[in-house]
């Protein structure tokens, strides 16, 4: 877990998560694109090859953001699980 300040009033947190049953690179790209649209997300990467996801988002909203990330990922790839 990495916490850094982007602006003086907003702290960012960066976390990596392991994914299970991500079946294709296209789904990974769709998940990444959808996650980046969530309010409070600064950056996101989803790798089909490594089955890992990195989220960089506002630290004080991170739990709520992760709930939205789980929902978005389930819509794109219903079988994929994020190991939190």
N, C-alpha and C. Protein backbone atom coordinates (compact mmCIF):
# COMPACT_ATOMS: atom_id res chain seq x y z
N UNK A 1 0.85 -1.17 0.00
CA UNK A 1 0.00 0.00 0.00
C UNK A 1 0.90 1.23 0.00
N UNK A 2 0.62 2.16 -0.89
CA UNK A 2 1.37 3.41 -0.99
C UNK A 2 0.38 4.56 -0.82
N UNK A 3 0.73 5.50 0.03
CA UNK A 3 -0.10 6.70 0.20
C UNK A 3 0.75 7.89 -0.17
N UNK A 4 0.25 8.74 -1.06
CA UNK A 4 0.98 9.96 -1.43
C UNK A 4 -0.01 11.09 -1.59
N UNK A 5 0.50 12.30 -1.56
CA UNK A 5 -0.36 13.47 -1.73
C UNK A 5 -0.32 13.93 -3.17
N UNK A 6 -1.48 14.03 -3.80
CA UNK A 6 -1.58 14.56 -5.15
C UNK A 6 -1.74 16.07 -5.08
N UNK A 7 -2.67 16.49 -4.24
CA UNK A 7 -2.85 17.89 -3.91
C UNK A 7 -2.72 17.96 -2.41
N UNK A 8 -2.60 19.13 -1.87
CA UNK A 8 -2.42 19.25 -0.43
C UNK A 8 -3.58 18.67 0.36
N UNK A 9 -4.79 18.76 -0.19
CA UNK A 9 -5.96 18.30 0.56
C UNK A 9 -6.43 16.89 0.19
N UNK A 10 -5.80 16.24 -0.80
CA UNK A 10 -6.23 14.91 -1.23
C UNK A 10 -5.05 13.94 -1.17
N UNK A 11 -5.18 12.92 -0.33
CA UNK A 11 -4.17 11.87 -0.27
C UNK A 11 -4.61 10.73 -1.17
N UNK A 12 -3.64 10.17 -1.89
CA UNK A 12 -3.92 9.06 -2.79
C UNK A 12 -3.38 7.77 -2.19
N UNK A 13 -4.04 6.66 -2.51
CA UNK A 13 -3.60 5.34 -2.08
C UNK A 13 -3.50 4.46 -3.32
N UNK A 14 -2.46 3.64 -3.35
CA UNK A 14 -2.26 2.73 -4.47
C UNK A 14 -2.15 1.31 -3.92
N UNK A 15 -3.01 0.42 -4.45
CA UNK A 15 -3.01 -0.97 -3.99
C UNK A 15 -3.05 -1.91 -5.18
N UNK A 16 -2.44 -3.08 -5.00
CA UNK A 16 -2.48 -4.13 -6.02
C UNK A 16 -3.35 -5.27 -5.51
N UNK A 17 -4.09 -5.88 -6.45
CA UNK A 17 -4.98 -6.98 -6.12
C UNK A 17 -4.77 -8.12 -7.11
N UNK A 18 -4.87 -9.33 -6.64
CA UNK A 18 -4.80 -10.50 -7.51
C UNK A 18 -6.20 -10.79 -8.03
N UNK A 19 -6.27 -11.21 -9.28
CA UNK A 19 -7.55 -11.54 -9.91
C UNK A 19 -7.62 -13.04 -10.15
N UNK A 20 -8.82 -13.59 -10.08
CA UNK A 20 -9.05 -14.99 -10.38
C UNK A 20 -10.05 -15.10 -11.51
N UNK A 21 -9.75 -15.95 -12.47
CA UNK A 21 -10.66 -16.27 -13.59
C UNK A 21 -10.95 -15.10 -14.52
N UNK A 22 -9.94 -14.26 -14.75
CA UNK A 22 -10.05 -13.23 -15.80
C UNK A 22 -9.70 -13.94 -17.10
N UNK A 23 -10.67 -14.05 -18.01
CA UNK A 23 -10.55 -14.95 -19.14
C UNK A 23 -9.97 -14.37 -20.43
N UNK A 24 -9.97 -13.05 -20.59
CA UNK A 24 -9.44 -12.53 -21.85
C UNK A 24 -8.89 -11.11 -21.70
N UNK A 25 -7.97 -10.77 -22.59
CA UNK A 25 -7.34 -9.46 -22.56
C UNK A 25 -8.35 -8.35 -22.86
N UNK A 26 -9.31 -8.64 -23.72
CA UNK A 26 -10.32 -7.64 -24.05
C UNK A 26 -11.16 -7.27 -22.81
N UNK A 27 -11.51 -8.28 -22.02
CA UNK A 27 -12.26 -8.02 -20.79
C UNK A 27 -11.43 -7.20 -19.81
N UNK A 28 -10.14 -7.49 -19.73
CA UNK A 28 -9.25 -6.73 -18.86
C UNK A 28 -9.22 -5.26 -19.28
N UNK A 29 -9.16 -5.01 -20.58
CA UNK A 29 -9.14 -3.64 -21.10
C UNK A 29 -10.46 -2.93 -20.79
N UNK A 30 -11.58 -3.64 -20.95
CA UNK A 30 -12.88 -3.04 -20.64
C UNK A 30 -13.01 -2.73 -19.15
N UNK A 31 -12.52 -3.63 -18.31
CA UNK A 31 -12.56 -3.40 -16.86
C UNK A 31 -11.73 -2.18 -16.50
N UNK A 32 -10.52 -2.09 -17.05
CA UNK A 32 -9.63 -0.97 -16.77
C UNK A 32 -10.28 0.35 -17.18
N UNK A 33 -10.86 0.37 -18.36
CA UNK A 33 -11.52 1.59 -18.87
C UNK A 33 -12.67 2.00 -17.96
N UNK A 34 -13.48 1.04 -17.53
CA UNK A 34 -14.63 1.34 -16.67
C UNK A 34 -14.18 1.82 -15.28
N UNK A 35 -13.13 1.20 -14.74
CA UNK A 35 -12.63 1.59 -13.42
C UNK A 35 -12.12 3.02 -13.44
N UNK A 36 -11.45 3.40 -14.50
CA UNK A 36 -10.89 4.76 -14.61
C UNK A 36 -11.98 5.83 -14.63
N UNK A 37 -13.21 5.45 -14.95
CA UNK A 37 -14.32 6.41 -14.99
C UNK A 37 -14.97 6.63 -13.62
N UNK A 38 -14.61 5.80 -12.64
CA UNK A 38 -15.19 5.93 -11.29
C UNK A 38 -14.63 7.18 -10.63
N UNK A 39 -15.51 7.97 -10.04
CA UNK A 39 -15.09 9.20 -9.35
C UNK A 39 -14.12 8.86 -8.22
N UNK A 40 -13.01 9.58 -8.17
CA UNK A 40 -12.00 9.37 -7.14
C UNK A 40 -10.84 8.50 -7.57
N UNK A 41 -10.98 7.81 -8.71
CA UNK A 41 -9.90 6.97 -9.22
C UNK A 41 -8.94 7.84 -10.02
N UNK A 42 -7.68 7.80 -9.63
CA UNK A 42 -6.65 8.56 -10.34
C UNK A 42 -6.06 7.73 -11.48
N UNK A 43 -5.84 6.44 -11.24
CA UNK A 43 -5.30 5.56 -12.28
C UNK A 43 -5.67 4.12 -11.95
N UNK A 44 -5.72 3.29 -12.98
CA UNK A 44 -6.01 1.87 -12.81
C UNK A 44 -5.36 1.08 -13.93
N UNK A 45 -4.87 -0.10 -13.59
CA UNK A 45 -4.36 -1.03 -14.61
C UNK A 45 -4.91 -2.41 -14.29
N UNK A 46 -5.30 -3.13 -15.33
CA UNK A 46 -5.76 -4.51 -15.20
C UNK A 46 -4.97 -5.32 -16.21
N UNK A 47 -4.20 -6.29 -15.72
CA UNK A 47 -3.35 -7.10 -16.58
C UNK A 47 -3.89 -8.51 -16.71
N UNK A 48 -4.24 -8.88 -17.92
CA UNK A 48 -4.68 -10.25 -18.19
C UNK A 48 -3.53 -11.23 -18.00
N UNK A 49 -2.34 -10.85 -18.44
CA UNK A 49 -1.18 -11.75 -18.38
C UNK A 49 -0.79 -12.10 -16.95
N UNK A 50 -0.77 -11.12 -16.06
CA UNK A 50 -0.35 -11.37 -14.69
C UNK A 50 -1.52 -11.64 -13.75
N UNK A 51 -2.76 -11.43 -14.25
CA UNK A 51 -3.96 -11.60 -13.45
C UNK A 51 -3.92 -10.69 -12.21
N UNK A 52 -3.47 -9.43 -12.43
CA UNK A 52 -3.38 -8.47 -11.34
C UNK A 52 -4.01 -7.15 -11.75
N UNK A 53 -4.46 -6.42 -10.74
CA UNK A 53 -5.07 -5.11 -10.94
C UNK A 53 -4.45 -4.14 -9.95
N UNK A 54 -4.14 -2.94 -10.42
CA UNK A 54 -3.62 -1.88 -9.56
C UNK A 54 -4.58 -0.71 -9.61
N UNK A 55 -4.94 -0.22 -8.44
CA UNK A 55 -5.86 0.91 -8.33
C UNK A 55 -5.16 2.02 -7.56
N UNK A 56 -5.18 3.22 -8.11
CA UNK A 56 -4.69 4.40 -7.41
C UNK A 56 -5.88 5.35 -7.28
N UNK A 57 -6.27 5.63 -6.03
CA UNK A 57 -7.48 6.41 -5.80
C UNK A 57 -7.35 7.21 -4.51
N UNK A 58 -8.32 8.08 -4.29
CA UNK A 58 -8.33 8.90 -3.09
C UNK A 58 -8.40 8.01 -1.86
N UNK A 59 -7.47 8.23 -0.93
CA UNK A 59 -7.33 7.37 0.24
C UNK A 59 -8.57 7.37 1.13
N UNK A 60 -9.18 8.53 1.33
CA UNK A 60 -10.32 8.61 2.25
C UNK A 60 -11.60 7.97 1.68
N UNK A 61 -11.62 7.72 0.38
CA UNK A 61 -12.79 7.11 -0.26
C UNK A 61 -12.49 5.71 -0.79
N UNK A 62 -11.33 5.16 -0.44
CA UNK A 62 -10.86 3.94 -1.09
C UNK A 62 -11.82 2.76 -0.92
N UNK A 63 -12.37 2.57 0.26
CA UNK A 63 -13.30 1.45 0.48
C UNK A 63 -14.53 1.56 -0.40
N UNK A 64 -15.11 2.75 -0.48
CA UNK A 64 -16.29 2.96 -1.33
C UNK A 64 -15.94 2.78 -2.80
N UNK A 65 -14.78 3.26 -3.19
CA UNK A 65 -14.34 3.11 -4.58
C UNK A 65 -14.17 1.63 -4.91
N UNK A 66 -13.60 0.85 -3.99
CA UNK A 66 -13.40 -0.58 -4.25
C UNK A 66 -14.73 -1.32 -4.37
N UNK A 67 -15.75 -0.90 -3.65
CA UNK A 67 -17.08 -1.51 -3.82
C UNK A 67 -17.58 -1.29 -5.25
N UNK A 68 -17.37 -0.08 -5.77
CA UNK A 68 -17.77 0.23 -7.14
C UNK A 68 -16.92 -0.55 -8.14
N UNK A 69 -15.63 -0.70 -7.85
CA UNK A 69 -14.74 -1.47 -8.72
C UNK A 69 -15.23 -2.91 -8.83
N UNK A 70 -15.59 -3.52 -7.71
CA UNK A 70 -16.08 -4.89 -7.70
C UNK A 70 -17.35 -5.00 -8.56
N UNK A 71 -18.27 -4.05 -8.43
CA UNK A 71 -19.50 -4.05 -9.21
C UNK A 71 -19.22 -3.93 -10.71
N UNK A 72 -18.34 -2.99 -11.07
CA UNK A 72 -18.00 -2.76 -12.48
C UNK A 72 -17.36 -4.01 -13.08
N UNK A 73 -16.45 -4.61 -12.34
CA UNK A 73 -15.76 -5.80 -12.85
C UNK A 73 -16.72 -6.96 -13.03
N UNK A 74 -17.68 -7.11 -12.12
CA UNK A 74 -18.67 -8.18 -12.23
C UNK A 74 -19.56 -8.01 -13.46
N UNK A 75 -19.84 -6.77 -13.85
CA UNK A 75 -20.63 -6.52 -15.05
C UNK A 75 -19.87 -6.92 -16.30
N UNK A 76 -18.57 -6.63 -16.34
CA UNK A 76 -17.75 -6.92 -17.52
C UNK A 76 -17.41 -8.41 -17.59
N UNK A 77 -16.98 -8.97 -16.48
CA UNK A 77 -16.51 -10.37 -16.42
C UNK A 77 -17.11 -11.03 -15.17
N UNK A 78 -18.32 -11.59 -15.29
CA UNK A 78 -19.02 -12.13 -14.12
C UNK A 78 -18.26 -13.21 -13.35
N UNK A 79 -17.41 -13.98 -14.03
CA UNK A 79 -16.67 -15.07 -13.36
C UNK A 79 -15.42 -14.59 -12.64
N UNK A 80 -14.97 -13.39 -12.94
CA UNK A 80 -13.72 -12.88 -12.36
C UNK A 80 -13.94 -12.45 -10.91
N UNK A 81 -12.98 -12.84 -10.05
CA UNK A 81 -13.02 -12.45 -8.64
C UNK A 81 -11.81 -11.61 -8.30
N UNK A 82 -12.02 -10.56 -7.54
CA UNK A 82 -10.93 -9.73 -7.03
C UNK A 82 -10.63 -10.22 -5.62
N UNK A 83 -9.41 -10.64 -5.39
CA UNK A 83 -9.03 -11.15 -4.07
C UNK A 83 -8.61 -9.96 -3.22
N UNK A 84 -9.54 -9.49 -2.39
CA UNK A 84 -9.31 -8.30 -1.57
C UNK A 84 -8.53 -8.61 -0.32
